[in-house]
C-alpha cells in the first residue's frame, strides 16, 4: 500500500471527507484529491503535516513500513532480536530470559528518569 492508499485509508478512519481535510490544511479539494489519486506527490513539508495530523510516521504514510509509529517499529526490532536470541532455548529458559530482559529494561528506564531529574 503506497501513499495514496494510506492517505485515503487514514482519512476514512478519521471519518473525514476530502473537503474537510482540504479545509483543515487550507488547500482546495481538487489538490487534495490529486494526492489520494496518486496524480500528485506530496512535498516533504506536506508529508510531515499529514503525518502529524494522523499521528503516524512518514514511513507508514509513504508505505515504507507497516508500523504506524516509530515506537511500534522499534518494538518490532526488540521482538525480532528476542526471537533470534532465544531460538535454541527451552520454554523455561525463554521465560527466564524474558523476565531478565524486562528487569533490565525497567532498571534502565529508572536510571534514565533519575538522570533527567538531575538535569
PDB file of N, CA and C in Angstrom:
ATOM      1  N   UNK A   1       0.857  -1.176   0.000  1.00  0.00           N
ATOM      2  CA  UNK A   1       0.000   0.000   0.000  1.00  0.00           C
ATOM      3  C   UNK A   1       0.902   1.238   0.000  1.00  0.00           C
ATOM      4  N   UNK A   2       0.698   2.114  -0.964  1.00  0.00           N
ATOM      5  CA  UNK A   2       1.502   3.317  -1.082  1.00  0.00           C
ATOM      6  C   UNK A   2       0.842   4.537  -0.466  1.00  0.00           C
ATOM      7  N   UNK A   3       1.459   5.690  -0.714  1.00  0.00           N
ATOM      8  CA  UNK A   3       0.971   6.937  -0.128  1.00  0.00           C
ATOM      9  C   UNK A   3      -0.500   7.222  -0.439  1.00  0.00           C
ATOM     10  N   UNK A   4      -0.946   7.158  -1.705  1.00  0.00           N
ATOM     11  CA  UNK A   4      -2.352   7.499  -1.975  1.00  0.00           C
ATOM     12  C   UNK A   4      -3.344   6.626  -1.186  1.00  0.00           C
ATOM     13  N   UNK A   5      -3.050   5.318  -1.130  1.00  0.00           N
ATOM     14  CA  UNK A   5      -3.958   4.407  -0.428  1.00  0.00           C
ATOM     15  C   UNK A   5      -3.940   4.647   1.081  1.00  0.00           C
ATOM     16  N   UNK A   6      -2.743   4.884   1.611  1.00  0.00           N
ATOM     17  CA  UNK A   6      -2.639   5.124   3.055  1.00  0.00           C
ATOM     18  C   UNK A   6      -3.343   6.431   3.427  1.00  0.00           C
ATOM     19  N   UNK A   7      -3.154   7.456   2.601  1.00  0.00           N
ATOM     20  CA  UNK A   7      -3.776   8.746   2.875  1.00  0.00           C
ATOM     21  C   UNK A   7      -5.295   8.606   2.903  1.00  0.00           C
ATOM     22  N   UNK A   8      -5.829   7.905   1.928  1.00  0.00           N
ATOM     23  CA  UNK A   8      -7.277   7.716   1.867  1.00  0.00           C
ATOM     24  C   UNK A   8      -7.771   6.885   3.054  1.00  0.00           C
ATOM     25  N   UNK A   9      -7.061   5.820   3.382  1.00  0.00           N
ATOM     26  CA  UNK A   9      -7.459   4.959   4.492  1.00  0.00           C
ATOM     27  C   UNK A   9      -7.459   5.734   5.807  1.00  0.00           C
ATOM     28  N   UNK A  10      -6.440   6.557   6.024  1.00  0.00           N
ATOM     29  CA  UNK A  10      -6.373   7.344   7.256  1.00  0.00           C
ATOM     30  C   UNK A  10      -7.498   8.372   7.316  1.00  0.00           C
ATOM     31  N   UNK A  11      -7.804   8.978   6.174  1.00  0.00           N
ATOM     32  CA  UNK A  11      -8.905   9.942   6.136  1.00  0.00           C
ATOM     33  C   UNK A  11     -10.223   9.254   6.477  1.00  0.00           C
ATOM     34  N   UNK A  12     -10.448   8.080   5.875  1.00  0.00           N
ATOM     35  CA  UNK A  12     -11.692   7.349   6.128  1.00  0.00           C
ATOM     36  C   UNK A  12     -11.780   6.881   7.580  1.00  0.00           C
ATOM     37  N   UNK A  13     -10.644   6.431   8.148  1.00  0.00           N
ATOM     38  CA  UNK A  13     -10.623   6.038   9.564  1.00  0.00           C
ATOM     39  C   UNK A  13     -10.998   7.206  10.468  1.00  0.00           C
ATOM     40  N   UNK A  14     -10.644   8.402  10.026  1.00  0.00           N
ATOM     41  CA  UNK A  14     -10.935   9.611  10.802  1.00  0.00           C
ATOM     42  C   UNK A  14     -12.330  10.149  10.537  1.00  0.00           C
ATOM     43  N   UNK A  15     -13.079   9.460   9.678  1.00  0.00           N
ATOM     44  CA  UNK A  15     -14.441   9.866   9.312  1.00  0.00           C
ATOM     45  C   UNK A  15     -14.490  11.288   8.773  1.00  0.00           C
ATOM     46  N   UNK A  16     -13.548  11.605   7.900  1.00  0.00           N
ATOM     47  CA  UNK A  16     -13.495  12.931   7.291  1.00  0.00           C
ATOM     48  C   UNK A  16     -13.653  12.819   5.788  1.00  0.00           C
ATOM     49  N   UNK A  17     -14.213  13.848   5.202  1.00  0.00           N
ATOM     50  CA  UNK A  17     -14.338  13.900   3.744  1.00  0.00           C
ATOM     51  C   UNK A  17     -13.093  14.574   3.172  1.00  0.00           C
ATOM     52  N   UNK A  18     -12.913  14.436   1.874  1.00  0.00           N
ATOM     53  CA  UNK A  18     -11.797  15.125   1.221  1.00  0.00           C
ATOM     54  C   UNK A  18     -11.915  16.629   1.435  1.00  0.00           C
ATOM     55  N   UNK A  19     -13.137  17.129   1.357  1.00  0.00           N
ATOM     56  CA  UNK A  19     -13.369  18.564   1.535  1.00  0.00           C
ATOM     57  C   UNK A  19     -12.951  19.017   2.937  1.00  0.00           C
ATOM     58  N   UNK A  20     -13.300  18.225   3.957  1.00  0.00           N
ATOM     59  CA  UNK A  20     -12.951  18.587   5.335  1.00  0.00           C
ATOM     60  C   UNK A  20     -11.432  18.604   5.542  1.00  0.00           C
ATOM     61  N   UNK A  21     -10.760  17.620   4.989  1.00  0.00           N
ATOM     62  CA  UNK A  21      -9.286  17.578   5.106  1.00  0.00           C
ATOM     63  C   UNK A  21      -8.689  18.786   4.393  1.00  0.00           C
ATOM     64  N   UNK A  22      -9.167  19.049   3.198  1.00  0.00           N
ATOM     65  CA  UNK A  22      -8.645  20.186   2.421  1.00  0.00           C
ATOM     66  C   UNK A  22      -8.812  21.487   3.210  1.00  0.00           C
ATOM     67  N   UNK A  23      -9.967  21.663   3.827  1.00  0.00           N
ATOM     68  CA  UNK A  23     -10.212  22.870   4.631  1.00  0.00           C
ATOM     69  C   UNK A  23      -9.254  22.958   5.815  1.00  0.00           C
ATOM     70  N   UNK A  24      -9.026  21.826   6.480  1.00  0.00           N
ATOM     71  CA  UNK A  24      -8.118  21.807   7.635  1.00  0.00           C
ATOM     72  C   UNK A  24      -6.694  22.206   7.235  1.00  0.00           C
ATOM     73  N   UNK A  25      -6.304  21.854   6.008  1.00  0.00           N
ATOM     74  CA  UNK A  25      -4.950  22.157   5.538  1.00  0.00           C
ATOM     75  C   UNK A  25      -4.877  23.438   4.715  1.00  0.00           C
ATOM     76  N   UNK A  26      -6.029  24.085   4.535  1.00  0.00           N
ATOM     77  CA  UNK A  26      -6.045  25.347   3.809  1.00  0.00           C
ATOM     78  C   UNK A  26      -5.737  25.208   2.328  1.00  0.00           C
ATOM     79  N   UNK A  27      -6.210  24.118   1.739  1.00  0.00           N
ATOM     80  CA  UNK A  27      -5.984  23.883   0.307  1.00  0.00           C
ATOM     81  C   UNK A  27      -7.325  23.611  -0.365  1.00  0.00           C
ATOM     82  N   UNK A  28      -7.316  23.582  -1.682  1.00  0.00           N
ATOM     83  CA  UNK A  28      -8.534  23.291  -2.422  1.00  0.00           C
ATOM     84  C   UNK A  28      -8.713  21.778  -2.521  1.00  0.00           C
ATOM     85  N   UNK A  29      -9.970  21.352  -2.517  1.00  0.00           N
ATOM     86  CA  UNK A  29     -10.285  19.929  -2.564  1.00  0.00           C
ATOM     87  C   UNK A  29      -9.653  19.214  -3.765  1.00  0.00           C
ATOM     88  N   UNK A  30      -9.684  19.805  -4.980  1.00  0.00           N
ATOM     89  CA  UNK A  30      -9.061  19.109  -6.119  1.00  0.00           C
ATOM     90  C   UNK A  30      -7.564  18.820  -5.896  1.00  0.00           C
ATOM     91  N   UNK A  31      -6.884  19.730  -5.198  1.00  0.00           N
ATOM     92  CA  UNK A  31      -5.468  19.493  -4.910  1.00  0.00           C
ATOM     93  C   UNK A  31      -5.303  18.286  -3.992  1.00  0.00           C
ATOM     94  N   UNK A  32      -6.133  18.223  -2.957  1.00  0.00           N
ATOM     95  CA  UNK A  32      -6.084  17.081  -2.046  1.00  0.00           C
ATOM     96  C   UNK A  32      -6.430  15.801  -2.795  1.00  0.00           C
ATOM     97  N   UNK A  33      -7.434  15.861  -3.627  1.00  0.00           N
ATOM     98  CA  UNK A  33      -7.900  14.699  -4.393  1.00  0.00           C
ATOM     99  C   UNK A  33      -6.771  14.125  -5.250  1.00  0.00           C
ATOM    100  N   UNK A  34      -5.896  14.989  -5.762  1.00  0.00           N
ATOM    101  CA  UNK A  34      -4.771  14.526  -6.576  1.00  0.00           C
ATOM    102  C   UNK A  34      -3.785  13.689  -5.758  1.00  0.00           C
ATOM    103  N   UNK A  35      -3.645  14.004  -4.478  1.00  0.00           N
ATOM    104  CA  UNK A  35      -2.760  13.180  -3.630  1.00  0.00           C
ATOM    105  C   UNK A  35      -3.369  11.804  -3.424  1.00  0.00           C
ATOM    106  N   UNK A  36      -4.664  11.751  -3.145  1.00  0.00           N
ATOM    107  CA  UNK A  36      -5.325  10.461  -2.923  1.00  0.00           C
ATOM    108  C   UNK A  36      -5.382   9.620  -4.190  1.00  0.00           C
ATOM    109  N   UNK A  37      -5.428  10.263  -5.336  1.00  0.00           N
ATOM    110  CA  UNK A  37      -5.497   9.502  -6.585  1.00  0.00           C
ATOM    111  C   UNK A  37      -4.105   9.140  -7.108  1.00  0.00           C
ATOM    112  N   UNK A  38      -3.074   9.693  -6.481  1.00  0.00           N
ATOM    113  CA  UNK A  38      -1.708   9.397  -6.900  1.00  0.00           C
ATOM    114  C   UNK A  38      -1.223  10.232  -8.066  1.00  0.00           C
ATOM    115  N   UNK A  39      -2.007  11.226  -8.464  1.00  0.00           N
ATOM    116  CA  UNK A  39      -1.629  12.088  -9.583  1.00  0.00           C
ATOM    117  C   UNK A  39      -0.614  13.144  -9.163  1.00  0.00           C
ATOM    118  N   UNK A  40      -0.492  13.341  -7.859  1.00  0.00           N
ATOM    119  CA  UNK A  40       0.411  14.362  -7.338  1.00  0.00           C
ATOM    120  C   UNK A  40       1.144  13.804  -6.130  1.00  0.00           C
ATOM    121  N   UNK A  41       2.434  14.057  -6.042  1.00  0.00           N
ATOM    122  CA  UNK A  41       3.229  13.601  -4.904  1.00  0.00           C
ATOM    123  C   UNK A  41       3.367  14.745  -3.903  1.00  0.00           C
ATOM    124  N   UNK A  42       3.330  14.410  -2.615  1.00  0.00           N
ATOM    125  CA  UNK A  42       3.430  15.464  -1.596  1.00  0.00           C
ATOM    126  C   UNK A  42       4.876  15.941  -1.425  1.00  0.00           C
ATOM    127  N   UNK A  43       5.017  17.188  -1.048  1.00  0.00           N
ATOM    128  CA  UNK A  43       6.339  17.687  -0.684  1.00  0.00           C
ATOM    129  C   UNK A  43       6.679  17.117   0.693  1.00  0.00           C
ATOM    130  N   UNK A  44       7.927  17.198   1.088  1.00  0.00           N
ATOM    131  CA  UNK A  44       8.303  16.683   2.405  1.00  0.00           C
ATOM    132  C   UNK A  44       7.578  17.452   3.510  1.00  0.00           C
ATOM    133  N   UNK A  45       7.351  18.733   3.280  1.00  0.00           N
ATOM    134  CA  UNK A  45       6.622  19.563   4.240  1.00  0.00           C
ATOM    135  C   UNK A  45       5.180  19.076   4.397  1.00  0.00           C
ATOM    136  N   UNK A  46       4.531  18.827   3.289  1.00  0.00           N
ATOM    137  CA  UNK A  46       3.145  18.348   3.291  1.00  0.00           C
ATOM    138  C   UNK A  46       3.070  16.967   3.933  1.00  0.00           C
ATOM    139  N   UNK A  47       4.015  16.122   3.599  1.00  0.00           N
ATOM    140  CA  UNK A  47       4.061  14.780   4.161  1.00  0.00           C
ATOM    141  C   UNK A  47       4.173  14.836   5.681  1.00  0.00           C
ATOM    142  N   UNK A  48       5.010  15.716   6.176  1.00  0.00           N
ATOM    143  CA  UNK A  48       5.193  15.889   7.616  1.00  0.00           C
ATOM    144  C   UNK A  48       3.893  16.365   8.277  1.00  0.00           C
ATOM    145  N   UNK A  49       3.187  17.269   7.612  1.00  0.00           N
ATOM    146  CA  UNK A  49       1.920  17.779   8.155  1.00  0.00           C
ATOM    147  C   UNK A  49       0.865  16.678   8.241  1.00  0.00           C
ATOM    148  N   UNK A  50       0.768  15.859   7.184  1.00  0.00           N
ATOM    149  CA  UNK A  50      -0.178  14.739   7.205  1.00  0.00           C
ATOM    150  C   UNK A  50       0.200  13.749   8.307  1.00  0.00           C
ATOM    151  N   UNK A  51       1.479  13.488   8.433  1.00  0.00           N
ATOM    152  CA  UNK A  51       1.989  12.564   9.436  1.00  0.00           C
ATOM    153  C   UNK A  51       1.588  13.016  10.841  1.00  0.00           C
ATOM    154  N   UNK A  52       1.798  14.276  11.133  1.00  0.00           N
ATOM    155  CA  UNK A  52       1.435  14.829  12.440  1.00  0.00           C
ATOM    156  C   UNK A  52      -0.081  14.806  12.649  1.00  0.00           C
ATOM    157  N   UNK A  53      -0.822  15.186  11.617  1.00  0.00           N
ATOM    158  CA  UNK A  53      -2.276  15.253  11.715  1.00  0.00           C
ATOM    159  C   UNK A  53      -2.875  13.878  12.041  1.00  0.00           C
ATOM    160  N   UNK A  54      -2.393  12.834  11.340  1.00  0.00           N
ATOM    161  CA  UNK A  54      -2.953  11.497  11.530  1.00  0.00           C
ATOM    162  C   UNK A  54      -2.248  10.698  12.633  1.00  0.00           C
ATOM    163  N   UNK A  55      -1.155  11.241  13.170  1.00  0.00           N
ATOM    164  CA  UNK A  55      -0.445  10.559  14.246  1.00  0.00           C
ATOM    165  C   UNK A  55       0.286   9.308  13.814  1.00  0.00           C
ATOM    166  N   UNK A  56       0.841   9.343  12.607  1.00  0.00           N
ATOM    167  CA  UNK A  56       1.595   8.200  12.088  1.00  0.00           C
ATOM    168  C   UNK A  56       2.974   8.672  11.623  1.00  0.00           C
ATOM    169  N   UNK A  57       3.875   7.729  11.415  1.00  0.00           N
ATOM    170  CA  UNK A  57       5.197   8.089  10.917  1.00  0.00           C
ATOM    171  C   UNK A  57       5.118   8.373   9.418  1.00  0.00           C
ATOM    172  N   UNK A  58       6.077   9.123   8.928  1.00  0.00           N
ATOM    173  CA  UNK A  58       6.117   9.392   7.486  1.00  0.00           C
ATOM    174  C   UNK A  58       6.398   8.097   6.723  1.00  0.00           C
ATOM    175  N   UNK A  59       7.176   7.202   7.301  1.00  0.00           N
ATOM    176  CA  UNK A  59       7.426   5.911   6.650  1.00  0.00           C
ATOM    177  C   UNK A  59       6.134   5.129   6.461  1.00  0.00           C
ATOM    178  N   UNK A  60       5.277   5.152   7.465  1.00  0.00           N
ATOM    179  CA  UNK A  60       3.990   4.469   7.350  1.00  0.00           C
ATOM    180  C   UNK A  60       3.154   5.124   6.254  1.00  0.00           C
ATOM    181  N   UNK A  61       3.102   6.433   6.275  1.00  0.00           N
ATOM    182  CA  UNK A  61       2.303   7.177   5.305  1.00  0.00           C
ATOM    183  C   UNK A  61       2.762   6.904   3.873  1.00  0.00           C
ATOM    184  N   UNK A  62       4.063   6.771   3.682  1.00  0.00           N
ATOM    185  CA  UNK A  62       4.609   6.512   2.348  1.00  0.00           C
ATOM    186  C   UNK A  62       4.485   5.053   1.922  1.00  0.00           C
ATOM    187  N   UNK A  63       4.137   4.184   2.883  1.00  0.00           N
ATOM    188  CA  UNK A  63       4.042   2.766   2.559  1.00  0.00           C
ATOM    189  C   UNK A  63       5.356   2.030   2.725  1.00  0.00           C
ATOM    190  N   UNK A  64       6.332   2.671   3.361  1.00  0.00           N
ATOM    191  CA  UNK A  64       7.638   2.047   3.569  1.00  0.00           C
ATOM    192  C   UNK A  64       7.663   1.167   4.807  1.00  0.00           C
ATOM    193  N   UNK A  65       6.652   1.270   5.653  1.00  0.00           N
ATOM    194  CA  UNK A  65       6.577   0.495   6.884  1.00  0.00           C
ATOM    195  C   UNK A  65       5.121   0.183   7.180  1.00  0.00           C
ATOM    196  N   UNK A  66       4.906  -0.978   7.780  1.00  0.00           N
ATOM    197  CA  UNK A  66       3.549  -1.332   8.189  1.00  0.00           C
ATOM    198  C   UNK A  66       3.270  -0.917   9.621  1.00  0.00           C
ATOM    199  N   UNK A  67       4.269  -0.313  10.270  1.00  0.00           N
ATOM    200  CA  UNK A  67       4.112   0.161  11.636  1.00  0.00           C
ATOM    201  C   UNK A  67       3.704   1.625  11.602  1.00  0.00           C
ATOM    202  N   UNK A  68       2.626   1.940  12.287  1.00  0.00           N
ATOM    203  CA  UNK A  68       2.096   3.307  12.250  1.00  0.00           C
ATOM    204  C   UNK A  68       3.015   4.315  12.914  1.00  0.00           C
ATOM    205  N   UNK A  69       3.714   3.890  13.961  1.00  0.00           N
ATOM    206  CA  UNK A  69       4.593   4.817  14.662  1.00  0.00           C
ATOM    207  C   UNK A  69       6.000   4.256  14.747  1.00  0.00           C
ATOM    208  N   UNK A  70       6.953   5.121  15.009  1.00  0.00           N
ATOM    209  CA  UNK A  70       8.338   4.704  15.154  1.00  0.00           C
ATOM    210  C   UNK A  70       8.473   3.744  16.332  1.00  0.00           C
ATOM    211  N   UNK A  71       7.724   3.992  17.410  1.00  0.00           N
ATOM    212  CA  UNK A  71       7.801   3.139  18.586  1.00  0.00           C
ATOM    213  C   UNK A  71       7.419   1.705  18.249  1.00  0.00           C
ATOM    214  N   UNK A  72       6.388   1.515  17.428  1.00  0.00           N
ATOM    215  CA  UNK A  72       5.986   0.171  17.024  1.00  0.00           C
ATOM    216  C   UNK A  72       7.102  -0.503  16.249  1.00  0.00           C
ATOM    217  N   UNK A  73       7.768   0.253  15.377  1.00  0.00           N
ATOM    218  CA  UNK A  73       8.856  -0.280  14.582  1.00  0.00           C
ATOM    219  C   UNK A  73      10.011  -0.701  15.477  1.00  0.00           C
ATOM    220  N   UNK A  74      10.351   0.127  16.463  1.00  0.00           N
ATOM    221  CA  UNK A  74      11.426  -0.204  17.390  1.00  0.00           C
ATOM    222  C   UNK A  74      11.067  -1.426  18.224  1.00  0.00           C
ATOM    223  N   UNK A  75       9.827  -1.533  18.635  1.00  0.00           N
ATOM    224  CA  UNK A  75       9.382  -2.690  19.393  1.00  0.00           C
ATOM    225  C   UNK A  75       9.557  -3.948  18.558  1.00  0.00           C
ATOM    226  N   UNK A  76       9.246  -3.855  17.296  1.00  0.00           N
ATOM    227  CA  UNK A  76       9.396  -4.991  16.413  1.00  0.00           C
ATOM    228  C   UNK A  76      10.851  -5.449  16.361  1.00  0.00           C
ATOM    229  N   UNK A  77      11.792  -4.506  16.352  1.00  0.00           N
ATOM    230  CA  UNK A  77      13.206  -4.860  16.341  1.00  0.00           C
ATOM    231  C   UNK A  77      13.585  -5.606  17.609  1.00  0.00           C
ATOM    232  N   UNK A  78      13.063  -5.176  18.751  1.00  0.00           N
ATOM    233  CA  UNK A  78      13.335  -5.856  20.018  1.00  0.00           C
ATOM    234  C   UNK A  78      12.747  -7.261  19.980  1.00  0.00           C
ATOM    235  N   UNK A  79      11.532  -7.383  19.460  1.00  0.00           N
ATOM    236  CA  UNK A  79      10.895  -8.696  19.360  1.00  0.00           C
ATOM    237  C   UNK A  79      11.709  -9.630  18.476  1.00  0.00           C
ATOM    238  N   UNK A  80      12.164  -9.128  17.327  1.00  0.00           N
ATOM    239  CA  UNK A  80      12.951  -9.961  16.414  1.00  0.00           C
ATOM    240  C   UNK A  80      14.262 -10.397  17.060  1.00  0.00           C
ATOM    241  N   UNK A  81      14.902  -9.486  17.773  1.00  0.00           N
ATOM    242  CA  UNK A  81      16.146  -9.810  18.460  1.00  0.00           C
ATOM    243  C   UNK A  81      15.900 -10.873  19.529  1.00  0.00           C
ATOM    244  N   UNK A  82      14.815 -10.722  20.284  1.00  0.00           N
ATOM    245  CA  UNK A  82      14.471 -11.703  21.311  1.00  0.00           C
ATOM    246  C   UNK A  82      14.250 -13.078  20.676  1.00  0.00           C
ATOM    247  N   UNK A  83      13.492 -13.112  19.608  1.00  0.00           N
ATOM    248  CA  UNK A  83      13.197 -14.391  18.954  1.00  0.00           C
ATOM    249  C   UNK A  83      14.456 -15.042  18.394  1.00  0.00           C
ATOM    250  N   UNK A  84      15.314 -14.239  17.768  1.00  0.00           N
ATOM    251  CA  UNK A  84      16.548 -14.782  17.199  1.00  0.00           C
ATOM    252  C   UNK A  84      17.474 -15.304  18.294  1.00  0.00           C
ATOM    253  N   UNK A  85      17.531 -14.597  19.405  1.00  0.00           N
ATOM    254  CA  UNK A  85      18.414 -14.969  20.513  1.00  0.00           C
ATOM    255  C   UNK A  85      17.906 -16.205  21.239  1.00  0.00           C
ATOM    256  N   UNK A  86      16.608 -16.389  21.279  1.00  0.00           N
ATOM    257  CA  UNK A  86      16.038 -17.471  22.086  1.00  0.00           C
ATOM    258  C   UNK A  86      15.608 -18.688  21.266  1.00  0.00           C
ATOM    259  N   UNK A  87      16.045 -18.806  20.050  1.00  0.00           N
ATOM    260  CA  UNK A  87      15.634 -19.921  19.192  1.00  0.00           C
ATOM    261  C   UNK A  87      15.922 -21.294  19.784  1.00  0.00           C
ATOM    262  N   UNK A  88      17.103 -21.457  20.356  1.00  0.00           N
ATOM    263  CA  UNK A  88      17.511 -22.771  20.863  1.00  0.00           C
ATOM    264  C   UNK A  88      17.192 -22.970  22.344  1.00  0.00           C
ATOM    265  N   UNK A  89      16.398 -22.098  22.923  1.00  0.00           N
ATOM    266  CA  UNK A  89      16.077 -22.191  24.345  1.00  0.00           C
ATOM    267  C   UNK A  89      14.816 -23.007  24.562  1.00  0.00           C
ATOM    268  N   UNK A  90      14.749 -23.616  25.728  1.00  0.00           N
ATOM    269  CA  UNK A  90      13.513 -24.299  26.128  1.00  0.00           C
ATOM    270  C   UNK A  90      12.504 -23.224  26.539  1.00  0.00           C
ATOM    271  N   UNK A  91      11.262 -23.611  26.728  1.00  0.00           N
ATOM    272  CA  UNK A  91      10.238 -22.648  27.155  1.00  0.00           C
ATOM    273  C   UNK A  91      10.594 -22.037  28.506  1.00  0.00           C
ATOM    274  N   UNK A  92      11.138 -22.845  29.393  1.00  0.00           N
ATOM    275  CA  UNK A  92      11.522 -22.344  30.715  1.00  0.00           C
ATOM    276  C   UNK A  92      12.666 -21.332  30.586  1.00  0.00           C
ATOM    277  N   UNK A  93      13.651 -21.632  29.756  1.00  0.00           N
ATOM    278  CA  UNK A  93      14.777 -20.713  29.555  1.00  0.00           C
ATOM    279  C   UNK A  93      14.295 -19.399  28.926  1.00  0.00           C
ATOM    280  N   UNK A  94      13.354 -19.512  27.989  1.00  0.00           N
ATOM    281  CA  UNK A  94      12.796 -18.305  27.356  1.00  0.00           C
ATOM    282  C   UNK A  94      12.087 -17.432  28.389  1.00  0.00           C
ATOM    283  N   UNK A  95      11.329 -18.048  29.276  1.00  0.00           N
ATOM    284  CA  UNK A  95      10.605 -17.290  30.311  1.00  0.00           C
ATOM    285  C   UNK A  95      11.591 -16.566  31.230  1.00  0.00           C
ATOM    286  N   UNK A  96      12.672 -17.248  31.611  1.00  0.00           N
ATOM    287  CA  UNK A  96      13.687 -16.628  32.473  1.00  0.00           C
ATOM    288  C   UNK A  96      14.374 -15.486  31.735  1.00  0.00           C
ATOM    289  N   UNK A  97      14.736 -15.750  30.490  1.00  0.00           N
ATOM    290  CA  UNK A  97      15.410 -14.728  29.671  1.00  0.00           C
ATOM    291  C   UNK A  97      14.517 -13.502  29.495  1.00  0.00           C
ATOM    292  N   UNK A  98      13.244 -13.734  29.228  1.00  0.00           N
ATOM    293  CA  UNK A  98      12.295 -12.636  29.050  1.00  0.00           C
ATOM    294  C   UNK A  98      12.167 -11.803  30.321  1.00  0.00           C
ATOM    295  N   UNK A  99      12.089 -12.473  31.473  1.00  0.00           N
ATOM    296  CA  UNK A  99      11.976 -11.756  32.743  1.00  0.00           C
ATOM    297  C   UNK A  99      13.239 -10.943  33.016  1.00  0.00           C
ATOM    298  N   UNK A 100      14.410 -11.521  32.738  1.00  0.00           N
ATOM    299  CA  UNK A 100      15.670 -10.795  32.933  1.00  0.00           C
ATOM    300  C   UNK A 100      15.731  -9.570  32.026  1.00  0.00           C
ATOM    301  N   UNK A 101      15.258  -9.719  30.803  1.00  0.00           N
ATOM    302  CA  UNK A 101      15.241  -8.609  29.860  1.00  0.00           C
ATOM    303  C   UNK A 101      14.301  -7.506  30.346  1.00  0.00           C
ATOM    304  N   UNK A 102      13.133  -7.883  30.822  1.00  0.00           N
ATOM    305  CA  UNK A 102      12.178  -6.896  31.347  1.00  0.00           C
ATOM    306  C   UNK A 102      12.758  -6.173  32.561  1.00  0.00           C
ATOM    307  N   UNK A 103      13.392  -6.929  33.461  1.00  0.00           N
ATOM    308  CA  UNK A 103      14.014  -6.317  34.641  1.00  0.00           C
ATOM    309  C   UNK A 103      15.089  -5.324  34.229  1.00  0.00           C
ATOM    310  N   UNK A 104      15.903  -5.711  33.245  1.00  0.00           N
ATOM    311  CA  UNK A 104      16.960  -4.829  32.748  1.00  0.00           C
ATOM    312  C   UNK A 104      16.366  -3.543  32.178  1.00  0.00           C
ATOM    313  N   UNK A 105      15.303  -3.677  31.378  1.00  0.00           N
ATOM    314  CA  UNK A 105      14.690  -2.510  30.753  1.00  0.00           C
ATOM    315  C   UNK A 105      14.076  -1.583  31.801  1.00  0.00           C
ATOM    316  N   UNK A 106      13.463  -2.156  32.828  1.00  0.00           N
ATOM    317  CA  UNK A 106      12.884  -1.337  33.902  1.00  0.00           C
ATOM    318  C   UNK A 106      13.982  -0.577  34.643  1.00  0.00           C
ATOM    319  N   UNK A 107      15.091  -1.244  34.908  1.00  0.00           N
ATOM    320  CA  UNK A 107      16.201  -0.610  35.610  1.00  0.00           C
ATOM    321  C   UNK A 107      16.801   0.520  34.776  1.00  0.00           C
ATOM    322  N   UNK A 108      16.961   0.294  33.483  1.00  0.00           N
ATOM    323  CA  UNK A 108      17.485   1.333  32.586  1.00  0.00           C
ATOM    324  C   UNK A 108      16.540   2.526  32.543  1.00  0.00           C
ATOM    325  N   UNK A 109      15.249   2.270  32.497  1.00  0.00           N
ATOM    326  CA  UNK A 109      14.256   3.355  32.480  1.00  0.00           C
ATOM    327  C   UNK A 109      14.343   4.165  33.768  1.00  0.00           C
ATOM    328  N   UNK A 110      14.494   3.464  34.888  1.00  0.00           N
ATOM    329  CA  UNK A 110      14.599   4.127  36.187  1.00  0.00           C
ATOM    330  C   UNK A 110      15.841   5.019  36.230  1.00  0.00           C
ATOM    331  N   UNK A 111      16.969   4.517  35.756  1.00  0.00           N
ATOM    332  CA  UNK A 111      18.205   5.300  35.714  1.00  0.00           C
ATOM    333  C   UNK A 111      18.060   6.503  34.790  1.00  0.00           C
ATOM    334  N   UNK A 112      17.406   6.295  33.662  1.00  0.00           N
ATOM    335  CA  UNK A 112      17.173   7.374  32.704  1.00  0.00           C
ATOM    336  C   UNK A 112      16.340   8.479  33.338  1.00  0.00           C
ATOM    337  N   UNK A 113      15.294   8.101  34.045  1.00  0.00           N
ATOM    338  CA  UNK A 113      14.425   9.088  34.705  1.00  0.00           C
ATOM    339  C   UNK A 113      15.176   9.840  35.797  1.00  0.00           C
ATOM    340  N   UNK A 114      16.023   9.137  36.548  1.00  0.00           N
ATOM    341  CA  UNK A 114      16.819   9.783  37.587  1.00  0.00           C
ATOM    342  C   UNK A 114      17.800  10.784  36.978  1.00  0.00           C
ATOM    343  N   UNK A 115      18.423  10.409  35.865  1.00  0.00           N
ATOM    344  CA  UNK A 115      19.348  11.317  35.171  1.00  0.00           C
ATOM    345  C   UNK A 115      18.628  12.564  34.685  1.00  0.00           C
ATOM    346  N   UNK A 116      17.403  12.397  34.192  1.00  0.00           N
ATOM    347  CA  UNK A 116      16.633  13.540  33.701  1.00  0.00           C
ATOM    348  C   UNK A 116      16.235  14.483  34.827  1.00  0.00           C
ATOM    349  N   UNK A 117      16.001  13.940  36.016  1.00  0.00           N
ATOM    350  CA  UNK A 117      15.649  14.777  37.164  1.00  0.00           C
ATOM    351  C   UNK A 117      16.834  15.635  37.591  1.00  0.00           C
ATOM    352  N   UNK A 118      18.051  15.110  37.424  1.00  0.00           N
ATOM    353  CA  UNK A 118      19.262  15.831  37.801  1.00  0.00           C
ATOM    354  C   UNK A 118      19.567  16.964  36.835  1.00  0.00           C
ATOM    355  N   UNK A 119      19.140  16.793  35.593  1.00  0.00           N
ATOM    356  CA  UNK A 119      19.448  17.799  34.548  1.00  0.00           C
ATOM    357  C   UNK A 119      18.625  19.035  34.669  1.00  0.00           C
TER     358      UNK A 119
END
